[in-house]
């Protein structure tokens, strides 16, 4: 599971899920502050037991100043592939009072899927408000949470036939 939150400020672009959204405020952060992609990165890294986004891309490192978070997400996907993981699916939720996310949801899903190399039908982006409660409700920031499922490659490729579990007859 991944979670992230960033403060809304004036004079910054609003980037969510790799999509530039026209709005009066943007998110404050060292990178492009894409709270949705940061939550996706943390969910993927956590599922692989590989730390978190801050560990791999610290905000003290000038290389990541203003970086497109799609680059970070793609890098995370590559790290997981190198460790023998396949991303099965990603399910993310944005928490924001404004702007409306629905017009951009499918584009976000496609951007995320492209960055991690899976079909966009296996990426879900949803949005909700907090009914005016808390910092998100007061429109001080936007938060995101994400869960991800990974599959560890045991031997051969995933397409080579039955999994080792199926071969042994063991069911979970």
Foldseek 3Di string as FASTA:
>chain_A
DFKDKFFWDAPAFAAELNDTDDDRTHTDDQASPHQFLQQVLQQLCVQVVNDGPCVVPNSVDNVRGHHRSLVVLLVSLVVQVVQQKDWQAKEKEKEAPDDDCVVCFLVSLVSNCVSNVHDSVRYGYYYDYPCLDDCRSVVRIMMMHMHTDMDGDDDDDPPPDDDPCVVVVHDD
